[in-house]
Amino acid sequence: MRQALRDLAHAGLVRREQGRGTFVADNKIQFGPRILTSFTEEMRETGMQPGSRVIDRKLVPATEELAGKFQIPPGAELFMLKRLRLAEGEPMGLQTAYVPSELAPGLMEIDFGVASLYDTLQTRYGLSLNHASQVHFANIANAEEARLLTIPEGAPLLAGERLTYLRSGRPLELTYSAMRGDRYQIRLNLVRSK
C-alpha cells in the first residue's frame, strides 16, 4: 500500500502531507508557447478567477545584475512589485516584477492587488509590450515561499525569469516567478523542422 501511494505521488496523482495524510492532487494548469500574456489573462483562459495579494512594493536602486538586464546605469531607480498570485483564491505562485521608474513614474500609486501590471503599463503609460524572453527552471521552496504558497518547505517549484521588451527593443519589465510545482506546468507543442 505504501509503495502504491509513493508511486501515485511520484506520478503527481496524489499529494502527501506529513502529519495530515494523502490527498488526490488537483489538476495542474498547463501553459506552453503562446502570445505574450499576463498571469491574469492565463487564469481567465482556464476559467479560473485570478487574484493577487501585494507582499511588497517599493522603489529600489538597480543592482549591477538588474542594470545589465535593463541596459541602464547601476543605481537607477526601479519600481519593484512582489505579489502572491492566486487562482480561485488559492495560492498559485509568487512573482517579483521590476520596471524602470523613468518609463513609468507613479507606479507606487496603483493598487496592484486589483490592477494588472501589463494593463497599467499599456493603458496608463502607453507602453506597448512587444515580445519577451522567458527561461524556466526547477527550484525548491524556501521557508518564505513555502509559508506564502501553503506548501512544505523544499516542495518543488517551477521557477522562471521573463524579460519583456518594447517594440524598440528596450527592456521594460523583468519578472521572477516561483509557481507551485503541484499546480502549474508548461506544455510544449513541438514541430519537427525539415
C-alpha atoms as a PDB file:
ATOM      1  CA  MET A   1       0.000   0.000   0.000  1.00  0.00           C
ATOM      2  CA  ARG A   2       2.790   2.466   0.907  1.00  0.00           C
ATOM      3  CA  GLN A   3       4.640   1.729  -2.328  1.00  0.00           C
ATOM      4  CA  ALA A   4       1.446   2.286  -4.327  1.00  0.00           C
ATOM      5  CA  LEU A   5       0.925   5.662  -2.619  1.00  0.00           C
ATOM      6  CA  ARG A   6       4.573   6.596  -3.313  1.00  0.00           C
ATOM      7  CA  ASP A   7       4.101   5.685  -6.979  1.00  0.00           C
ATOM      8  CA  LEU A   8       0.901   7.736  -7.212  1.00  0.00           C
ATOM      9  CA  ALA A   9       2.628  10.700  -5.538  1.00  0.00           C
ATOM     10  CA  HIS A  10       5.603  10.416  -7.911  1.00  0.00           C
ATOM     11  CA  ALA A  11       3.179  10.446 -10.878  1.00  0.00           C
ATOM     12  CA  GLY A  12       1.539  13.594  -9.484  1.00  0.00           C
ATOM     13  CA  LEU A  13      -1.853  11.953  -8.951  1.00  0.00           C
ATOM     14  CA  VAL A  14      -1.848  12.336  -5.168  1.00  0.00           C
ATOM     15  CA  ARG A  15      -0.074  14.671  -2.787  1.00  0.00           C
ATOM     16  CA  ARG A  16       1.240  13.587   0.594  1.00  0.00           C
ATOM     17  CA  GLU A  17       1.298  15.993   3.519  1.00  0.00           C
ATOM     18  CA  GLN A  18       3.288  14.995   6.558  1.00  0.00           C
ATOM     19  CA  GLY A  19       1.049  14.643   9.583  1.00  0.00           C
ATOM     20  CA  ARG A  20      -2.097  15.180   7.528  1.00  0.00           C
ATOM     21  CA  GLY A  21      -2.378  12.286   5.092  1.00  0.00           C
ATOM     22  CA  THR A  22      -2.624  11.638   1.376  1.00  0.00           C
ATOM     23  CA  PHE A  23      -4.941  13.645  -0.894  1.00  0.00           C
ATOM     24  CA  VAL A  24      -5.967  13.497  -4.535  1.00  0.00           C
ATOM     25  CA  ALA A  25      -3.840  16.039  -6.409  1.00  0.00           C
ATOM     26  CA  ASP A  26      -5.549  18.946  -8.125  1.00  0.00           C
ATOM     27  CA  ASN A  27      -5.242  19.156 -11.884  1.00  0.00           C
ATOM     28  CA  LYS A  28      -2.265  21.206 -12.989  1.00  0.00           C
ATOM     29  CA  ILE A  29      -2.717  24.324 -15.050  1.00  0.00           C
ATOM     30  CA  GLN A  30      -0.770  23.896 -18.273  1.00  0.00           C
ATOM     31  CA  PHE A  31       0.723  26.547 -20.500  1.00  0.00           C
ATOM     32  CA  GLY A  32       3.074  26.364 -23.447  1.00  0.00           C
ATOM     33  CA  PRO A  33       4.383  28.683 -26.150  1.00  0.00           C
ATOM     34  CA  ARG A  34       1.819  31.375 -26.679  1.00  0.00           C
ATOM     35  CA  ILE A  35       1.306  35.009 -27.220  1.00  0.00           C
ATOM     36  CA  LEU A  36       2.664  37.314 -24.535  1.00  0.00           C
ATOM     37  CA  THR A  37       0.074  37.244 -21.763  1.00  0.00           C
ATOM     38  CA  SER A  38      -0.125  38.113 -18.101  1.00  0.00           C
ATOM     39  CA  PHE A  39      -0.904  35.782 -15.200  1.00  0.00           C
ATOM     40  CA  THR A  40      -4.360  37.394 -15.024  1.00  0.00           C
ATOM     41  CA  GLU A  41      -5.036  36.553 -18.685  1.00  0.00           C
ATOM     42  CA  GLU A  42      -3.694  32.995 -18.247  1.00  0.00           C
ATOM     43  CA  MET A  43      -6.031  32.288 -15.350  1.00  0.00           C
ATOM     44  CA  ARG A  44      -9.025  33.728 -17.197  1.00  0.00           C
ATOM     45  CA  GLU A  45      -8.213  31.480 -20.189  1.00  0.00           C
ATOM     46  CA  THR A  46      -8.608  28.449 -17.901  1.00  0.00           C
ATOM     47  CA  GLY A  47     -11.891  29.755 -16.495  1.00  0.00           C
ATOM     48  CA  MET A  48     -10.325  30.436 -13.096  1.00  0.00           C
ATOM     49  CA  GLN A  49     -10.731  33.684 -11.169  1.00  0.00           C
ATOM     50  CA  PRO A  50      -7.313  35.378 -10.898  1.00  0.00           C
ATOM     51  CA  GLY A  51      -6.265  37.325  -7.850  1.00  0.00           C
ATOM     52  CA  SER A  52      -3.248  38.957  -6.278  1.00  0.00           C
ATOM     53  CA  ARG A  53      -2.056  39.933  -2.850  1.00  0.00           C
ATOM     54  CA  VAL A  54       0.697  42.529  -2.737  1.00  0.00           C
ATOM     55  CA  ILE A  55       3.510  41.295  -0.498  1.00  0.00           C
ATOM     56  CA  ASP A  56       5.865  44.235  -1.082  1.00  0.00           C
ATOM     57  CA  ARG A  57       6.298  47.218  -3.381  1.00  0.00           C
ATOM     58  CA  LYS A  58       8.922  49.898  -3.292  1.00  0.00           C
ATOM     59  CA  LEU A  59      11.413  51.917  -5.287  1.00  0.00           C
ATOM     60  CA  VAL A  60      14.850  50.293  -5.326  1.00  0.00           C
ATOM     61  CA  PRO A  61      18.229  51.112  -6.907  1.00  0.00           C
ATOM     62  CA  ALA A  62      19.204  48.810  -9.778  1.00  0.00           C
ATOM     63  CA  THR A  63      21.845  46.275  -8.778  1.00  0.00           C
ATOM     64  CA  GLU A  64      24.630  45.521 -11.262  1.00  0.00           C
ATOM     65  CA  GLU A  65      22.684  42.460 -12.443  1.00  0.00           C
ATOM     66  CA  LEU A  66      19.375  44.302 -12.900  1.00  0.00           C
ATOM     67  CA  ALA A  67      21.095  47.282 -14.528  1.00  0.00           C
ATOM     68  CA  GLY A  68      22.669  44.907 -17.049  1.00  0.00           C
ATOM     69  CA  LYS A  69      19.327  43.327 -17.906  1.00  0.00           C
ATOM     70  CA  PHE A  70      17.603  46.708 -18.296  1.00  0.00           C
ATOM     71  CA  GLN A  71      20.606  48.345 -20.025  1.00  0.00           C
ATOM     72  CA  ILE A  72      20.552  51.212 -17.504  1.00  0.00           C
ATOM     73  CA  PRO A  73      23.184  52.583 -15.118  1.00  0.00           C
ATOM     74  CA  PRO A  74      23.619  50.774 -11.788  1.00  0.00           C
ATOM     75  CA  GLY A  75      21.698  52.614  -9.093  1.00  0.00           C
ATOM     76  CA  ALA A  76      18.970  53.842 -11.482  1.00  0.00           C
ATOM     77  CA  GLU A  77      15.565  53.719  -9.831  1.00  0.00           C
ATOM     78  CA  LEU A  78      13.347  50.661 -10.361  1.00  0.00           C
ATOM     79  CA  PHE A  79       9.799  50.004  -9.207  1.00  0.00           C
ATOM     80  CA  MET A  80       9.680  46.578  -7.505  1.00  0.00           C
ATOM     81  CA  LEU A  81       6.398  44.722  -7.033  1.00  0.00           C
ATOM     82  CA  LYS A  82       6.170  41.370  -5.232  1.00  0.00           C
ATOM     83  CA  ARG A  83       2.794  39.616  -5.387  1.00  0.00           C
ATOM     84  CA  LEU A  84       1.236  36.356  -4.297  1.00  0.00           C
ATOM     85  CA  ARG A  85      -0.696  35.174  -7.354  1.00  0.00           C
ATOM     86  CA  LEU A  86      -3.992  33.407  -6.719  1.00  0.00           C
ATOM     87  CA  ALA A  87      -6.336  31.196  -8.741  1.00  0.00           C
ATOM     88  CA  GLU A  88      -9.818  30.775  -7.288  1.00  0.00           C
ATOM     89  CA  GLY A  89      -8.402  32.238  -4.066  1.00  0.00           C
ATOM     90  CA  GLU A  90      -5.725  29.525  -3.810  1.00  0.00           C
ATOM     91  CA  PRO A  91      -2.018  30.494  -3.799  1.00  0.00           C
ATOM     92  CA  MET A  92      -0.544  29.595  -7.196  1.00  0.00           C
ATOM     93  CA  GLY A  93       2.800  31.390  -7.214  1.00  0.00           C
ATOM     94  CA  LEU A  94       4.962  34.314  -6.234  1.00  0.00           C
ATOM     95  CA  GLN A  95       6.059  36.924  -8.758  1.00  0.00           C
ATOM     96  CA  THR A  96       8.501  39.777  -8.292  1.00  0.00           C
ATOM     97  CA  ALA A  97       8.468  42.346 -11.093  1.00  0.00           C
ATOM     98  CA  TYR A  98      10.803  45.270 -11.799  1.00  0.00           C
ATOM     99  CA  VAL A  99      10.120  48.267 -14.075  1.00  0.00           C
ATOM    100  CA  PRO A 100      12.440  51.254 -14.673  1.00  0.00           C
ATOM    101  CA  SER A 101      10.828  54.240 -12.933  1.00  0.00           C
ATOM    102  CA  GLU A 102      11.764  56.612 -15.757  1.00  0.00           C
ATOM    103  CA  LEU A 103       9.480  54.667 -18.120  1.00  0.00           C
ATOM    104  CA  ALA A 104       6.506  54.525 -15.760  1.00  0.00           C
ATOM    105  CA  PRO A 105       6.668  57.126 -12.987  1.00  0.00           C
ATOM    106  CA  GLY A 106       3.945  56.872 -10.358  1.00  0.00           C
ATOM    107  CA  LEU A 107       3.526  53.079 -10.239  1.00  0.00           C
ATOM    108  CA  MET A 108       3.628  53.301  -6.432  1.00  0.00           C
ATOM    109  CA  GLU A 109       0.177  54.947  -6.584  1.00  0.00           C
ATOM    110  CA  ILE A 110      -1.512  51.948  -8.268  1.00  0.00           C
ATOM    111  CA  ASP A 111      -3.310  49.224  -6.290  1.00  0.00           C
ATOM    112  CA  PHE A 112      -1.815  46.092  -7.833  1.00  0.00           C
ATOM    113  CA  GLY A 113      -3.959  43.922  -5.604  1.00  0.00           C
ATOM    114  CA  VAL A 114      -6.654  44.536  -8.249  1.00  0.00           C
ATOM    115  CA  ALA A 115      -4.844  46.129 -11.216  1.00  0.00           C
ATOM    116  CA  SER A 116      -2.861  44.198 -13.836  1.00  0.00           C
ATOM    117  CA  LEU A 117       0.703  45.449 -14.267  1.00  0.00           C
ATOM    118  CA  TYR A 118       0.632  44.812 -18.035  1.00  0.00           C
ATOM    119  CA  ASP A 119      -2.722  46.574 -18.458  1.00  0.00           C
ATOM    120  CA  THR A 120      -1.452  49.528 -16.417  1.00  0.00           C
ATOM    121  CA  LEU A 121       1.735  49.834 -18.463  1.00  0.00           C
ATOM    122  CA  GLN A 122      -0.278  49.791 -21.692  1.00  0.00           C
ATOM    123  CA  THR A 123      -3.289  51.927 -20.798  1.00  0.00           C
ATOM    124  CA  ARG A 124      -1.866  54.465 -18.347  1.00  0.00           C
ATOM    125  CA  TYR A 125       1.628  54.847 -19.818  1.00  0.00           C
ATOM    126  CA  GLY A 126       1.083  53.903 -23.466  1.00  0.00           C
ATOM    127  CA  LEU A 127       3.877  51.309 -23.296  1.00  0.00           C
ATOM    128  CA  SER A 128       3.173  48.542 -25.818  1.00  0.00           C
ATOM    129  CA  LEU A 129       4.607  45.213 -24.775  1.00  0.00           C
ATOM    130  CA  ASN A 130       6.062  43.618 -27.889  1.00  0.00           C
ATOM    131  CA  HIS A 131       7.944  40.427 -27.041  1.00  0.00           C
ATOM    132  CA  ALA A 132       9.654  38.653 -24.158  1.00  0.00           C
ATOM    133  CA  SER A 133      12.443  36.229 -23.418  1.00  0.00           C
ATOM    134  CA  GLN A 134      11.487  33.633 -20.829  1.00  0.00           C
ATOM    135  CA  VAL A 135      13.511  30.925 -19.088  1.00  0.00           C
ATOM    136  CA  HIS A 136      12.051  28.194 -16.842  1.00  0.00           C
ATOM    137  CA  PHE A 137      13.910  26.092 -14.309  1.00  0.00           C
ATOM    138  CA  ALA A 138      13.219  23.785 -11.388  1.00  0.00           C
ATOM    139  CA  ASN A 139      13.638  25.066  -7.850  1.00  0.00           C
ATOM    140  CA  ILE A 140      12.538  24.221  -4.325  1.00  0.00           C
ATOM    141  CA  ALA A 141      10.521  26.341  -1.923  1.00  0.00           C
ATOM    142  CA  ASN A 142      12.421  28.215   0.749  1.00  0.00           C
ATOM    143  CA  ALA A 143      10.766  28.944   4.108  1.00  0.00           C
ATOM    144  CA  GLU A 144       9.111  32.204   2.986  1.00  0.00           C
ATOM    145  CA  GLU A 145       7.853  30.739  -0.309  1.00  0.00           C
ATOM    146  CA  ALA A 146       6.504  27.665   1.493  1.00  0.00           C
ATOM    147  CA  ARG A 147       4.641  29.814   4.028  1.00  0.00           C
ATOM    148  CA  LEU A 148       3.083  32.099   1.393  1.00  0.00           C
ATOM    149  CA  LEU A 149       2.219  29.284  -1.017  1.00  0.00           C
ATOM    150  CA  THR A 150       0.962  26.955   1.755  1.00  0.00           C
ATOM    151  CA  ILE A 151       3.264  24.124   0.686  1.00  0.00           C
ATOM    152  CA  PRO A 152       6.001  22.274   2.581  1.00  0.00           C
ATOM    153  CA  GLU A 153       9.472  23.811   2.656  1.00  0.00           C
ATOM    154  CA  GLY A 154      11.541  22.083  -0.034  1.00  0.00           C
ATOM    155  CA  ALA A 155       8.480  21.405  -2.239  1.00  0.00           C
ATOM    156  CA  PRO A 156       9.131  21.639  -5.983  1.00  0.00           C
ATOM    157  CA  LEU A 157       8.633  24.955  -7.745  1.00  0.00           C
ATOM    158  CA  LEU A 158       8.543  25.824 -11.417  1.00  0.00           C
ATOM    159  CA  ALA A 159      10.618  28.986 -11.423  1.00  0.00           C
ATOM    160  CA  GLY A 160      11.058  31.422 -14.244  1.00  0.00           C
ATOM    161  CA  GLU A 161      12.530  34.686 -15.404  1.00  0.00           C
ATOM    162  CA  ARG A 162      10.796  36.804 -18.059  1.00  0.00           C
ATOM    163  CA  LEU A 163      12.278  39.933 -19.608  1.00  0.00           C
ATOM    164  CA  THR A 164       9.674  41.864 -21.593  1.00  0.00           C
ATOM    165  CA  TYR A 165      10.610  44.365 -24.280  1.00  0.00           C
ATOM    166  CA  LEU A 166       9.059  47.329 -26.048  1.00  0.00           C
ATOM    167  CA  ARG A 167       8.838  47.332 -29.833  1.00  0.00           C
ATOM    168  CA  SER A 168      12.006  49.466 -29.869  1.00  0.00           C
ATOM    169  CA  GLY A 169      13.894  46.601 -28.210  1.00  0.00           C
ATOM    170  CA  ARG A 170      14.230  48.426 -24.890  1.00  0.00           C
ATOM    171  CA  PRO A 171      13.651  46.189 -21.838  1.00  0.00           C
ATOM    172  CA  LEU A 172      10.517  47.288 -19.957  1.00  0.00           C
ATOM    173  CA  GLU A 173       9.777  44.703 -17.282  1.00  0.00           C
ATOM    174  CA  LEU A 174      11.564  41.817 -15.588  1.00  0.00           C
ATOM    175  CA  THR A 175       9.629  39.245 -13.593  1.00  0.00           C
ATOM    176  CA  TYR A 176      10.928  36.418 -11.434  1.00  0.00           C
ATOM    177  CA  SER A 177       8.302  33.718 -10.810  1.00  0.00           C
ATOM    178  CA  ALA A 178       8.079  30.805  -8.393  1.00  0.00           C
ATOM    179  CA  MET A 179       4.998  28.745  -9.230  1.00  0.00           C
ATOM    180  CA  ARG A 180       3.723  25.734  -7.279  1.00  0.00           C
ATOM    181  CA  GLY A 181       5.041  22.552  -8.873  1.00  0.00           C
ATOM    182  CA  ASP A 182       1.917  20.654  -7.814  1.00  0.00           C
ATOM    183  CA  ARG A 183      -0.436  23.095  -9.579  1.00  0.00           C
ATOM    184  CA  TYR A 184       1.377  24.603 -12.565  1.00  0.00           C
ATOM    185  CA  GLN A 185       3.187  23.093 -15.517  1.00  0.00           C
ATOM    186  CA  ILE A 186       4.234  24.042 -19.028  1.00  0.00           C
ATOM    187  CA  ARG A 187       3.229  22.017 -22.065  1.00  0.00           C
ATOM    188  CA  LEU A 188       5.274  22.407 -25.252  1.00  0.00           C
ATOM    189  CA  ASN A 189       3.892  21.545 -28.686  1.00  0.00           C
ATOM    190  CA  LEU A 190       6.932  20.777 -30.823  1.00  0.00           C
ATOM    191  CA  VAL A 191       7.076  20.596 -34.614  1.00  0.00           C
ATOM    192  CA  ARG A 192       9.894  18.824 -36.463  1.00  0.00           C
ATOM    193  CA  SER A 193      11.745  21.072 -38.889  1.00  0.00           C
ATOM    194  CA  LYS A 194      12.650  19.920 -42.383  1.00  0.00           C
END
